């Protein structure tokens, strides 16, 4: 599924941003909050909902709503664009299948190098012991 198709179901809320900014941050609501209801989405299949709930569990509320915020920019529009881009990246990454791991063996040279390094360190430690005259 193309993650851009999900944008019609996205809701935005705005609030006052925190942090530095003087009088400006006290007057304007520039912090953008994006909300997407994963469980009740009409555009996602049950399988896709399961994938999103599993991979984005830390960002979901108990009702299954994905909540993302952005507040670094000085304008509402810029923060809205940034949080939308963040949402699209997250969904795209969640739907990308994980690369399967292929087991590999270390080369003979790497094994030999490891053994010689272990031997050298053992010799260094042996030389630290008390010498018996």
Foldseek 3Di string as FASTA:
>chain_A
DQLVVQVVQKDKDWAQDDDDDPPLSVPDTQKIKIKHQLVPDPPDDPVLSVLCCVQVVVQADPNRMGIDIFDPDSHNVVRVVVRVVVSSVSSVVSPDDDDDDDDDDDDPVVVVVVVVVVVVVVVVVVVVDDDDD
